[in-house]
Amino acid sequence: MYKEAIGTFRQCTNFPENTKLMAWCHRQLKEWNESVILYNQVTSSAPDAPWALYQIAQVREASGDNEAAIKAYQTVCKKFPKDGHAAQAHAHLQTKYKINVTLGGAAED
């Protein structure tokens, strides 16, 4: 089912939505690297970048690569400190990994 969906989404031209859905399908199939590659493509879409980076962190964590997951969560916090996904990443780092990171963004740029 997911493989067929990936094929269908690949033919769509509604980036980034089709790419997000393909990444999700790969994630359900535990095809971690394919999922991360697609989420990385979504990071080029400005409004979706924080979400996509957060998804990369979750995929890395699901695959058992906690070190890469931590780095990805920290990247969300550093690059997008005022985005809601940074707050989620910050809380997750504190709760699961006992890592305190600053969200930054205290001063206006």
PDB file of N, CA and C in Angstrom:
ATOM      1  N   MET A   1       0.820  -1.190   0.000  1.00  0.00           N
ATOM      2  CA  MET A   1       0.000   0.000   0.000  1.00  0.00           C
ATOM      3  C   MET A   1       0.869   1.260   0.000  1.00  0.00           C
ATOM      4  N   TYR A   2       1.869   1.330   0.898  1.00  0.00           N
ATOM      5  CA  TYR A   2       2.719   2.522   0.959  1.00  0.00           C
ATOM      6  C   TYR A   2       3.561   2.670  -0.303  1.00  0.00           C
ATOM      7  N   LYS A   3       4.046   1.550  -0.830  1.00  0.00           N
ATOM      8  CA  LYS A   3       4.858   1.598  -2.058  1.00  0.00           C
ATOM      9  C   LYS A   3       4.044   2.179  -3.207  1.00  0.00           C
ATOM     10  N   GLU A   4       2.790   1.739  -3.322  1.00  0.00           N
ATOM     11  CA  GLU A   4       1.926   2.263  -4.381  1.00  0.00           C
ATOM     12  C   GLU A   4       1.665   3.751  -4.185  1.00  0.00           C
ATOM     13  N   ALA A   5       1.467   4.143  -2.941  1.00  0.00           N
ATOM     14  CA  ALA A   5       1.224   5.559  -2.647  1.00  0.00           C
ATOM     15  C   ALA A   5       2.438   6.401  -3.027  1.00  0.00           C
ATOM     16  N   ILE A   6       3.637   5.892  -2.729  1.00  0.00           N
ATOM     17  CA  ILE A   6       4.858   6.624  -3.087  1.00  0.00           C
ATOM     18  C   ILE A   6       4.902   6.851  -4.590  1.00  0.00           C
ATOM     19  N   GLY A   7       4.579   5.817  -5.358  1.00  0.00           N
ATOM     20  CA  GLY A   7       4.572   5.946  -6.815  1.00  0.00           C
ATOM     21  C   GLY A   7       3.588   7.003  -7.288  1.00  0.00           C
ATOM     22  N   THR A   8       2.428   7.035  -6.657  1.00  0.00           N
ATOM     23  CA  THR A   8       1.411   8.031  -7.022  1.00  0.00           C
ATOM     24  C   THR A   8       1.872   9.434  -6.655  1.00  0.00           C
ATOM     25  N   PHE A   9       2.387   9.604  -5.434  1.00  0.00           N
ATOM     26  CA  PHE A   9       2.840  10.931  -4.996  1.00  0.00           C
ATOM     27  C   PHE A   9       4.011  11.426  -5.840  1.00  0.00           C
ATOM     28  N   ARG A  10       4.837  10.509  -6.314  1.00  0.00           N
ATOM     29  CA  ARG A  10       5.990  10.886  -7.138  1.00  0.00           C
ATOM     30  C   ARG A  10       5.540  11.559  -8.445  1.00  0.00           C
ATOM     31  N   GLN A  11       4.370  11.200  -8.908  1.00  0.00           N
ATOM     32  CA  GLN A  11       3.857  11.757 -10.159  1.00  0.00           C
ATOM     33  C   GLN A  11       3.178  13.107  -9.954  1.00  0.00           C
ATOM     34  N   CYS A  12       2.923  13.456  -8.724  1.00  0.00           N
ATOM     35  CA  CYS A  12       2.264  14.735  -8.417  1.00  0.00           C
ATOM     36  C   CYS A  12       3.261  15.883  -8.510  1.00  0.00           C
ATOM     37  N   THR A  13       2.736  17.067  -8.741  1.00  0.00           N
ATOM     38  CA  THR A  13       3.596  18.244  -8.878  1.00  0.00           C
ATOM     39  C   THR A  13       3.328  19.291  -7.792  1.00  0.00           C
ATOM     40  N   ASN A  14       2.690  18.888  -6.715  1.00  0.00           N
ATOM     41  CA  ASN A  14       2.322  19.855  -5.671  1.00  0.00           C
ATOM     42  C   ASN A  14       3.351  19.898  -4.538  1.00  0.00           C
ATOM     43  N   PHE A  15       4.614  20.160  -4.899  1.00  0.00           N
ATOM     44  CA  PHE A  15       5.672  20.281  -3.890  1.00  0.00           C
ATOM     45  C   PHE A  15       5.334  21.425  -2.936  1.00  0.00           C
ATOM     46  N   PRO A  16       5.539  21.294  -1.665  1.00  0.00           N
ATOM     47  CA  PRO A  16       6.203  20.208  -0.959  1.00  0.00           C
ATOM     48  C   PRO A  16       5.269  19.129  -0.433  1.00  0.00           C
ATOM     49  N   GLU A  17       3.950  19.286  -0.639  1.00  0.00           N
ATOM     50  CA  GLU A  17       3.000  18.332  -0.048  1.00  0.00           C
ATOM     51  C   GLU A  17       3.247  16.904  -0.507  1.00  0.00           C
ATOM     52  N   ASN A  18       3.490  16.700  -1.801  1.00  0.00           N
ATOM     53  CA  ASN A  18       3.716  15.338  -2.280  1.00  0.00           C
ATOM     54  C   ASN A  18       4.987  14.749  -1.666  1.00  0.00           C
ATOM     55  N   THR A  19       6.000  15.566  -1.498  1.00  0.00           N
ATOM     56  CA  THR A  19       7.265  15.099  -0.937  1.00  0.00           C
ATOM     57  C   THR A  19       7.099  14.746   0.542  1.00  0.00           C
ATOM     58  N   LYS A  20       6.330  15.537   1.263  1.00  0.00           N
ATOM     59  CA  LYS A  20       6.045  15.231   2.664  1.00  0.00           C
ATOM     60  C   LYS A  20       5.356  13.871   2.784  1.00  0.00           C
ATOM     61  N   LEU A  21       4.403  13.633   1.908  1.00  0.00           N
ATOM     62  CA  LEU A  21       3.660  12.378   1.969  1.00  0.00           C
ATOM     63  C   LEU A  21       4.517  11.185   1.568  1.00  0.00           C
ATOM     64  N   MET A  22       5.395  11.376   0.591  1.00  0.00           N
ATOM     65  CA  MET A  22       6.312  10.298   0.228  1.00  0.00           C
ATOM     66  C   MET A  22       7.243   9.980   1.401  1.00  0.00           C
ATOM     67  N   ALA A  23       7.743  11.012   2.065  1.00  0.00           N
ATOM     68  CA  ALA A  23       8.623  10.814   3.214  1.00  0.00           C
ATOM     69  C   ALA A  23       7.899  10.052   4.319  1.00  0.00           C
ATOM     70  N   TRP A  24       6.642  10.414   4.556  1.00  0.00           N
ATOM     71  CA  TRP A  24       5.850   9.723   5.575  1.00  0.00           C
ATOM     72  C   TRP A  24       5.671   8.250   5.223  1.00  0.00           C
ATOM     73  N   CYS A  25       5.408   7.952   3.944  1.00  0.00           N
ATOM     74  CA  CYS A  25       5.252   6.561   3.515  1.00  0.00           C
ATOM     75  C   CYS A  25       6.548   5.778   3.728  1.00  0.00           C
ATOM     76  N   HIS A  26       7.671   6.364   3.349  1.00  0.00           N
ATOM     77  CA  HIS A  26       8.955   5.697   3.575  1.00  0.00           C
ATOM     78  C   HIS A  26       9.179   5.452   5.068  1.00  0.00           C
ATOM     79  N   ARG A  27       8.735   6.405   5.864  1.00  0.00           N
ATOM     80  CA  ARG A  27       8.875   6.266   7.319  1.00  0.00           C
ATOM     81  C   ARG A  27       8.070   5.077   7.833  1.00  0.00           C
ATOM     82  N   GLN A  28       6.855   4.909   7.315  1.00  0.00           N
ATOM     83  CA  GLN A  28       6.014   3.786   7.730  1.00  0.00           C
ATOM     84  C   GLN A  28       6.639   2.452   7.314  1.00  0.00           C
ATOM     85  N   LEU A  29       7.384   2.470   6.223  1.00  0.00           N
ATOM     86  CA  LEU A  29       8.061   1.270   5.732  1.00  0.00           C
ATOM     87  C   LEU A  29       9.415   1.050   6.419  1.00  0.00           C
ATOM     88  N   LYS A  30       9.761   1.952   7.344  1.00  0.00           N
ATOM     89  CA  LYS A  30      11.056   1.923   8.039  1.00  0.00           C
ATOM     90  C   LYS A  30      12.227   2.076   7.069  1.00  0.00           C
ATOM     91  N   GLU A  31      11.978   2.801   6.002  1.00  0.00           N
ATOM     92  CA  GLU A  31      13.026   3.147   5.034  1.00  0.00           C
ATOM     93  C   GLU A  31      13.539   4.525   5.438  1.00  0.00           C
ATOM     94  N   TRP A  32      14.329   4.509   6.503  1.00  0.00           N
ATOM     95  CA  TRP A  32      14.739   5.736   7.175  1.00  0.00           C
ATOM     96  C   TRP A  32      15.497   6.693   6.275  1.00  0.00           C
ATOM     97  N   ASN A  33      16.502   6.209   5.564  1.00  0.00           N
ATOM     98  CA  ASN A  33      17.324   7.104   4.735  1.00  0.00           C
ATOM     99  C   ASN A  33      16.511   7.773   3.641  1.00  0.00           C
ATOM    100  N   GLU A  34      15.625   7.014   3.003  1.00  0.00           N
ATOM    101  CA  GLU A  34      14.778   7.599   1.959  1.00  0.00           C
ATOM    102  C   GLU A  34      13.897   8.694   2.540  1.00  0.00           C
ATOM    103  N   SER A  35      13.371   8.432   3.734  1.00  0.00           N
ATOM    104  CA  SER A  35      12.529   9.421   4.398  1.00  0.00           C
ATOM    105  C   SER A  35      13.309  10.702   4.688  1.00  0.00           C
ATOM    106  N   VAL A  36      14.514  10.553   5.226  1.00  0.00           N
ATOM    107  CA  VAL A  36      15.335  11.731   5.554  1.00  0.00           C
ATOM    108  C   VAL A  36      15.694  12.506   4.294  1.00  0.00           C
ATOM    109  N   ILE A  37      16.021  11.818   3.228  1.00  0.00           N
ATOM    110  CA  ILE A  37      16.356  12.497   1.962  1.00  0.00           C
ATOM    111  C   ILE A  37      15.193  13.380   1.518  1.00  0.00           C
ATOM    112  N   LEU A  38      13.990  12.848   1.592  1.00  0.00           N
ATOM    113  CA  LEU A  38      12.819  13.614   1.161  1.00  0.00           C
ATOM    114  C   LEU A  38      12.519  14.770   2.108  1.00  0.00           C
ATOM    115  N   TYR A  39      12.621  14.531   3.411  1.00  0.00           N
ATOM    116  CA  TYR A  39      12.410  15.636   4.352  1.00  0.00           C
ATOM    117  C   TYR A  39      13.461  16.730   4.142  1.00  0.00           C
ATOM    118  N   ASN A  40      14.672  16.343   3.791  1.00  0.00           N
ATOM    119  CA  ASN A  40      15.707  17.342   3.492  1.00  0.00           C
ATOM    120  C   ASN A  40      15.299  18.203   2.305  1.00  0.00           C
ATOM    121  N   GLN A  41      14.646  17.618   1.320  1.00  0.00           N
ATOM    122  CA  GLN A  41      14.168  18.409   0.181  1.00  0.00           C
ATOM    123  C   GLN A  41      13.131  19.429   0.634  1.00  0.00           C
ATOM    124  N   VAL A  42      12.303  19.050   1.590  1.00  0.00           N
ATOM    125  CA  VAL A  42      11.264  19.953   2.100  1.00  0.00           C
ATOM    126  C   VAL A  42      11.882  21.116   2.874  1.00  0.00           C
ATOM    127  N   THR A  43      13.075  20.928   3.447  1.00  0.00           N
ATOM    128  CA  THR A  43      13.686  22.022   4.210  1.00  0.00           C
ATOM    129  C   THR A  43      13.998  23.225   3.333  1.00  0.00           C
ATOM    130  N   SER A  44      14.017  23.035   2.017  1.00  0.00           N
ATOM    131  CA  SER A  44      14.255  24.166   1.122  1.00  0.00           C
ATOM    132  C   SER A  44      13.026  25.055   0.988  1.00  0.00           C
ATOM    133  N   SER A  45      11.895  24.573   1.451  1.00  0.00           N
ATOM    134  CA  SER A  45      10.658  25.343   1.401  1.00  0.00           C
ATOM    135  C   SER A  45      10.515  26.096   2.720  1.00  0.00           C
ATOM    136  N   ALA A  46      10.756  27.399   2.674  1.00  0.00           N
ATOM    137  CA  ALA A  46      10.876  28.218   3.887  1.00  0.00           C
ATOM    138  C   ALA A  46       9.808  27.966   4.951  1.00  0.00           C
ATOM    139  N   PRO A  47       8.510  28.010   4.627  1.00  0.00           N
ATOM    140  CA  PRO A  47       7.536  27.847   5.708  1.00  0.00           C
ATOM    141  C   PRO A  47       7.548  26.443   6.320  1.00  0.00           C
ATOM    142  N   ASP A  48       8.018  25.461   5.571  1.00  0.00           N
ATOM    143  CA  ASP A  48       7.985  24.084   6.046  1.00  0.00           C
ATOM    144  C   ASP A  48       9.309  23.616   6.636  1.00  0.00           C
ATOM    145  N   ALA A  49      10.338  24.437   6.591  1.00  0.00           N
ATOM    146  CA  ALA A  49      11.669  24.015   7.029  1.00  0.00           C
ATOM    147  C   ALA A  49      11.711  23.558   8.497  1.00  0.00           C
ATOM    148  N   PRO A  50      11.161  24.309   9.449  1.00  0.00           N
ATOM    149  CA  PRO A  50      11.229  23.850  10.843  1.00  0.00           C
ATOM    150  C   PRO A  50      10.524  22.504  11.035  1.00  0.00           C
ATOM    151  N   TRP A  51       9.368  22.357  10.422  1.00  0.00           N
ATOM    152  CA  TRP A  51       8.625  21.103  10.506  1.00  0.00           C
ATOM    153  C   TRP A  51       9.439  19.955   9.926  1.00  0.00           C
ATOM    154  N   ALA A  52      10.035  20.166   8.772  1.00  0.00           N
ATOM    155  CA  ALA A  52      10.801  19.112   8.110  1.00  0.00           C
ATOM    156  C   ALA A  52      12.021  18.705   8.936  1.00  0.00           C
ATOM    157  N   LEU A  53      12.713  19.680   9.512  1.00  0.00           N
ATOM    158  CA  LEU A  53      13.861  19.360  10.363  1.00  0.00           C
ATOM    159  C   LEU A  53      13.424  18.578  11.601  1.00  0.00           C
ATOM    160  N   TYR A  54      12.285  18.921  12.143  1.00  0.00           N
ATOM    161  CA  TYR A  54      11.753  18.187  13.297  1.00  0.00           C
ATOM    162  C   TYR A  54      11.423  16.752  12.889  1.00  0.00           C
ATOM    163  N   GLN A  55      10.872  16.582  11.691  1.00  0.00           N
ATOM    164  CA  GLN A  55      10.570  15.238  11.201  1.00  0.00           C
ATOM    165  C   GLN A  55      11.844  14.417  11.029  1.00  0.00           C
ATOM    166  N   ILE A  56      12.898  15.051  10.533  1.00  0.00           N
ATOM    167  CA  ILE A  56      14.189  14.365  10.382  1.00  0.00           C
ATOM    168  C   ILE A  56      14.666  13.865  11.746  1.00  0.00           C
ATOM    169  N   ALA A  57      14.542  14.701  12.764  1.00  0.00           N
ATOM    170  CA  ALA A  57      14.943  14.298  14.112  1.00  0.00           C
ATOM    171  C   ALA A  57      14.142  13.084  14.573  1.00  0.00           C
ATOM    172  N   GLN A  58      12.845  13.105  14.313  1.00  0.00           N
ATOM    173  CA  GLN A  58      12.003  11.987  14.732  1.00  0.00           C
ATOM    174  C   GLN A  58      12.349  10.700  13.980  1.00  0.00           C
ATOM    175  N   VAL A  59      12.647  10.828  12.692  1.00  0.00           N
ATOM    176  CA  VAL A  59      13.027   9.652  11.905  1.00  0.00           C
ATOM    177  C   VAL A  59      14.343   9.086  12.426  1.00  0.00           C
ATOM    178  N   ARG A  60      15.300   9.964  12.678  1.00  0.00           N
ATOM    179  CA  ARG A  60      16.591   9.508  13.206  1.00  0.00           C
ATOM    180  C   ARG A  60      16.393   8.779  14.540  1.00  0.00           C
ATOM    181  N   GLU A  61      15.537   9.328  15.367  1.00  0.00           N
ATOM    182  CA  GLU A  61      15.268   8.702  16.659  1.00  0.00           C
ATOM    183  C   GLU A  61      14.596   7.335  16.468  1.00  0.00           C
ATOM    184  N   ALA A  62      13.622   7.269  15.591  1.00  0.00           N
ATOM    185  CA  ALA A  62      12.918   6.000  15.334  1.00  0.00           C
ATOM    186  C   ALA A  62      13.857   4.930  14.784  1.00  0.00           C
ATOM    187  N   SER A  63      14.871   5.365  14.037  1.00  0.00           N
ATOM    188  CA  SER A  63      15.817   4.419  13.453  1.00  0.00           C
ATOM    189  C   SER A  63      16.864   3.961  14.457  1.00  0.00           C
ATOM    190  N   GLY A  64      16.872   4.579  15.653  1.00  0.00           N
ATOM    191  CA  GLY A  64      17.826   4.209  16.682  1.00  0.00           C
ATOM    192  C   GLY A  64      19.095   5.037  16.680  1.00  0.00           C
ATOM    193  N   ASP A  65      19.161   6.029  15.791  1.00  0.00           N
ATOM    194  CA  ASP A  65      20.352   6.886  15.713  1.00  0.00           C
ATOM    195  C   ASP A  65      20.120   8.117  16.587  1.00  0.00           C
ATOM    196  N   ASN A  66      20.230   7.924  17.907  1.00  0.00           N
ATOM    197  CA  ASN A  66      19.937   9.009  18.846  1.00  0.00           C
ATOM    198  C   ASN A  66      20.882  10.182  18.711  1.00  0.00           C
ATOM    199  N   GLU A  67      22.143   9.929  18.379  1.00  0.00           N
ATOM    200  CA  GLU A  67      23.098  11.028  18.223  1.00  0.00           C
ATOM    201  C   GLU A  67      22.672  11.959  17.091  1.00  0.00           C
ATOM    202  N   ALA A  68      22.283  11.392  15.963  1.00  0.00           N
ATOM    203  CA  ALA A  68      21.813  12.212  14.838  1.00  0.00           C
ATOM    204  C   ALA A  68      20.492  12.889  15.188  1.00  0.00           C
ATOM    205  N   ALA A  69      19.645  12.202  15.939  1.00  0.00           N
ATOM    206  CA  ALA A  69      18.364  12.795  16.360  1.00  0.00           C
ATOM    207  C   ALA A  69      18.611  14.022  17.230  1.00  0.00           C
ATOM    208  N   ILE A  70      19.517  13.885  18.197  1.00  0.00           N
ATOM    209  CA  ILE A  70      19.834  15.011  19.079  1.00  0.00           C
ATOM    210  C   ILE A  70      20.341  16.196  18.268  1.00  0.00           C
ATOM    211  N   LYS A  71      21.238  15.938  17.333  1.00  0.00           N
ATOM    212  CA  LYS A  71      21.766  17.019  16.494  1.00  0.00           C
ATOM    213  C   LYS A  71      20.654  17.686  15.700  1.00  0.00           C
ATOM    214  N   ALA A  72      19.742  16.894  15.173  1.00  0.00           N
ATOM    215  CA  ALA A  72      18.638  17.458  14.388  1.00  0.00           C
ATOM    216  C   ALA A  72      17.699  18.283  15.271  1.00  0.00           C
ATOM    217  N   TYR A  73      17.373  17.776  16.453  1.00  0.00           N
ATOM    218  CA  TYR A  73      16.540  18.558  17.381  1.00  0.00           C
ATOM    219  C   TYR A  73      17.233  19.877  17.733  1.00  0.00           C
ATOM    220  N   GLN A  74      18.530  19.811  17.998  1.00  0.00           N
ATOM    221  CA  GLN A  74      19.268  21.034  18.334  1.00  0.00           C
ATOM    222  C   GLN A  74      19.298  22.003  17.154  1.00  0.00           C
ATOM    223  N   THR A  75      19.361  21.481  15.939  1.00  0.00           N
ATOM    224  CA  THR A  75      19.345  22.342  14.753  1.00  0.00           C
ATOM    225  C   THR A  75      18.026  23.087  14.650  1.00  0.00           C
ATOM    226  N   VAL A  76      16.925  22.408  14.930  1.00  0.00           N
ATOM    227  CA  VAL A  76      15.612  23.078  14.917  1.00  0.00           C
ATOM    228  C   VAL A  76      15.628  24.232  15.923  1.00  0.00           C
ATOM    229  N   CYS A  77      16.147  23.966  17.110  1.00  0.00           N
ATOM    230  CA  CYS A  77      16.177  24.997  18.160  1.00  0.00           C
ATOM    231  C   CYS A  77      17.040  26.192  17.757  1.00  0.00           C
ATOM    232  N   LYS A  78      18.188  25.920  17.149  1.00  0.00           N
ATOM    233  CA  LYS A  78      19.122  26.987  16.799  1.00  0.00           C
ATOM    234  C   LYS A  78      18.685  27.783  15.583  1.00  0.00           C
ATOM    235  N   LYS A  79      18.179  27.099  14.561  1.00  0.00           N
ATOM    236  CA  LYS A  79      17.819  27.792  13.320  1.00  0.00           C
ATOM    237  C   LYS A  79      16.468  28.493  13.384  1.00  0.00           C
ATOM    238  N   PHE A  80      15.550  27.943  14.160  1.00  0.00           N
ATOM    239  CA  PHE A  80      14.187  28.474  14.190  1.00  0.00           C
ATOM    240  C   PHE A  80      13.692  28.638  15.623  1.00  0.00           C
ATOM    241  N   PRO A  81      14.386  29.451  16.426  1.00  0.00           N
ATOM    242  CA  PRO A  81      14.074  29.533  17.858  1.00  0.00           C
ATOM    243  C   PRO A  81      12.666  30.016  18.182  1.00  0.00           C
ATOM    244  N   LYS A  82      12.032  30.731  17.279  1.00  0.00           N
ATOM    245  CA  LYS A  82      10.708  31.274  17.563  1.00  0.00           C
ATOM    246  C   LYS A  82       9.582  30.413  16.997  1.00  0.00           C
ATOM    247  N   ASP A  83       9.949  29.320  16.338  1.00  0.00           N
ATOM    248  CA  ASP A  83       8.946  28.432  15.757  1.00  0.00           C
ATOM    249  C   ASP A  83       8.466  27.432  16.812  1.00  0.00           C
ATOM    250  N   GLY A  84       7.235  27.023  16.713  1.00  0.00           N
ATOM    251  CA  GLY A  84       6.675  26.066  17.654  1.00  0.00           C
ATOM    252  C   GLY A  84       7.399  24.721  17.661  1.00  0.00           C
ATOM    253  N   HIS A  85       7.977  24.362  16.530  1.00  0.00           N
ATOM    254  CA  HIS A  85       8.710  23.103  16.469  1.00  0.00           C
ATOM    255  C   HIS A  85       9.996  23.166  17.297  1.00  0.00           C
ATOM    256  N   ALA A  86      10.548  24.353  17.430  1.00  0.00           N
ATOM    257  CA  ALA A  86      11.731  24.520  18.285  1.00  0.00           C
ATOM    258  C   ALA A  86      11.347  24.282  19.742  1.00  0.00           C
ATOM    259  N   ALA A  87      10.198  24.775  20.131  1.00  0.00           N
ATOM    260  CA  ALA A  87       9.734  24.547  21.501  1.00  0.00           C
ATOM    261  C   ALA A  87       9.524  23.056  21.755  1.00  0.00           C
ATOM    262  N   GLN A  88       8.945  22.363  20.775  1.00  0.00           N
ATOM    263  CA  GLN A  88       8.747  20.910  20.904  1.00  0.00           C
ATOM    264  C   GLN A  88      10.092  20.192  20.997  1.00  0.00           C
ATOM    265  N   ALA A  89      11.024  20.587  20.131  1.00  0.00           N
ATOM    266  CA  ALA A  89      12.349  19.965  20.122  1.00  0.00           C
ATOM    267  C   ALA A  89      13.059  20.210  21.454  1.00  0.00           C
ATOM    268  N   HIS A  90      12.974  21.430  21.939  1.00  0.00           N
ATOM    269  CA  HIS A  90      13.591  21.794  23.217  1.00  0.00           C
ATOM    270  C   HIS A  90      13.035  20.924  24.343  1.00  0.00           C
ATOM    271  N   ALA A  91      11.725  20.814  24.406  1.00  0.00           N
ATOM    272  CA  ALA A  91      11.084  20.019  25.458  1.00  0.00           C
ATOM    273  C   ALA A  91      11.471  18.543  25.334  1.00  0.00           C
ATOM    274  N   HIS A  92      11.540  18.059  24.113  1.00  0.00           N
ATOM    275  CA  HIS A  92      11.900  16.651  23.903  1.00  0.00           C
ATOM    276  C   HIS A  92      13.347  16.390  24.320  1.00  0.00           C
ATOM    277  N   LEU A  93      14.238  17.301  23.976  1.00  0.00           N
ATOM    278  CA  LEU A  93      15.637  17.148  24.380  1.00  0.00           C
ATOM    279  C   LEU A  93      15.757  17.115  25.906  1.00  0.00           C
ATOM    280  N   GLN A  94      15.003  17.963  26.583  1.00  0.00           N
ATOM    281  CA  GLN A  94      15.053  18.000  28.047  1.00  0.00           C
ATOM    282  C   GLN A  94      14.454  16.734  28.651  1.00  0.00           C
ATOM    283  N   THR A  95      13.315  16.316  28.141  1.00  0.00           N
ATOM    284  CA  THR A  95      12.592  15.186  28.715  1.00  0.00           C
ATOM    285  C   THR A  95      13.266  13.853  28.438  1.00  0.00           C
ATOM    286  N   LYS A  96      13.579  13.598  27.187  1.00  0.00           N
ATOM    287  CA  LYS A  96      14.113  12.285  26.818  1.00  0.00           C
ATOM    288  C   LYS A  96      15.615  12.164  27.052  1.00  0.00           C
ATOM    289  N   TYR A  97      16.352  13.222  26.693  1.00  0.00           N
ATOM    290  CA  TYR A  97      17.811  13.126  26.719  1.00  0.00           C
ATOM    291  C   TYR A  97      18.459  13.909  27.861  1.00  0.00           C
ATOM    292  N   LYS A  98      17.650  14.629  28.638  1.00  0.00           N
ATOM    293  CA  LYS A  98      18.165  15.441  29.755  1.00  0.00           C
ATOM    294  C   LYS A  98      19.194  16.464  29.277  1.00  0.00           C
ATOM    295  N   ILE A  99      18.936  17.014  28.091  1.00  0.00           N
ATOM    296  CA  ILE A  99      19.817  18.029  27.503  1.00  0.00           C
ATOM    297  C   ILE A  99      19.096  19.364  27.551  1.00  0.00           C
ATOM    298  N   ASN A 100      19.740  20.346  28.130  1.00  0.00           N
ATOM    299  CA  ASN A 100      19.184  21.696  28.160  1.00  0.00           C
ATOM    300  C   ASN A 100      19.844  22.511  27.059  1.00  0.00           C
ATOM    301  N   VAL A 101      19.038  23.035  26.186  1.00  0.00           N
ATOM    302  CA  VAL A 101      19.546  23.904  25.125  1.00  0.00           C
ATOM    303  C   VAL A 101      18.785  25.210  25.209  1.00  0.00           C
ATOM    304  N   THR A 102      19.430  26.266  24.797  1.00  0.00           N
ATOM    305  CA  THR A 102      18.720  27.537  24.752  1.00  0.00           C
ATOM    306  C   THR A 102      18.080  27.653  23.382  1.00  0.00           C
ATOM    307  N   LEU A 103      16.901  28.189  23.381  1.00  0.00           N
ATOM    308  CA  LEU A 103      16.199  28.375  22.120  1.00  0.00           C
ATOM    309  C   LEU A 103      16.738  29.564  21.364  1.00  0.00           C
ATOM    310  N   GLY A 104      17.467  30.440  22.025  1.00  0.00           N
ATOM    311  CA  GLY A 104      17.970  31.626  21.339  1.00  0.00           C
ATOM    312  C   GLY A 104      16.828  32.580  21.071  1.00  0.00           C
ATOM    313  N   GLY A 105      17.086  33.537  20.221  1.00  0.00           N
ATOM    314  CA  GLY A 105      16.038  34.461  19.826  1.00  0.00           C
ATOM    315  C   GLY A 105      15.638  35.447  20.913  1.00  0.00           C
ATOM    316  N   ALA A 106      16.425  35.578  21.962  1.00  0.00           N
ATOM    317  CA  ALA A 106      16.074  36.508  23.032  1.00  0.00           C
ATOM    318  C   ALA A 106      16.121  37.947  22.534  1.00  0.00           C
ATOM    319  N   ALA A 107      17.086  38.232  21.695  1.00  0.00           N
ATOM    320  CA  ALA A 107      17.191  39.568  21.120  1.00  0.00           C
ATOM    321  C   ALA A 107      16.669  39.537  19.694  1.00  0.00           C
ATOM    322  N   GLU A 108      16.031  40.593  19.324  1.00  0.00           N
ATOM    323  CA  GLU A 108      15.539  40.670  17.947  1.00  0.00           C
ATOM    324  C   GLU A 108      16.705  40.843  16.994  1.00  0.00           C
ATOM    325  N   ASP A 109      16.616  40.172  15.851  1.00  0.00           N
ATOM    326  CA  ASP A 109      17.680  40.285  14.839  1.00  0.00           C
ATOM    327  C   ASP A 109      17.580  41.576  14.071  1.00  0.00           C
TER     328      ASP A 109
END
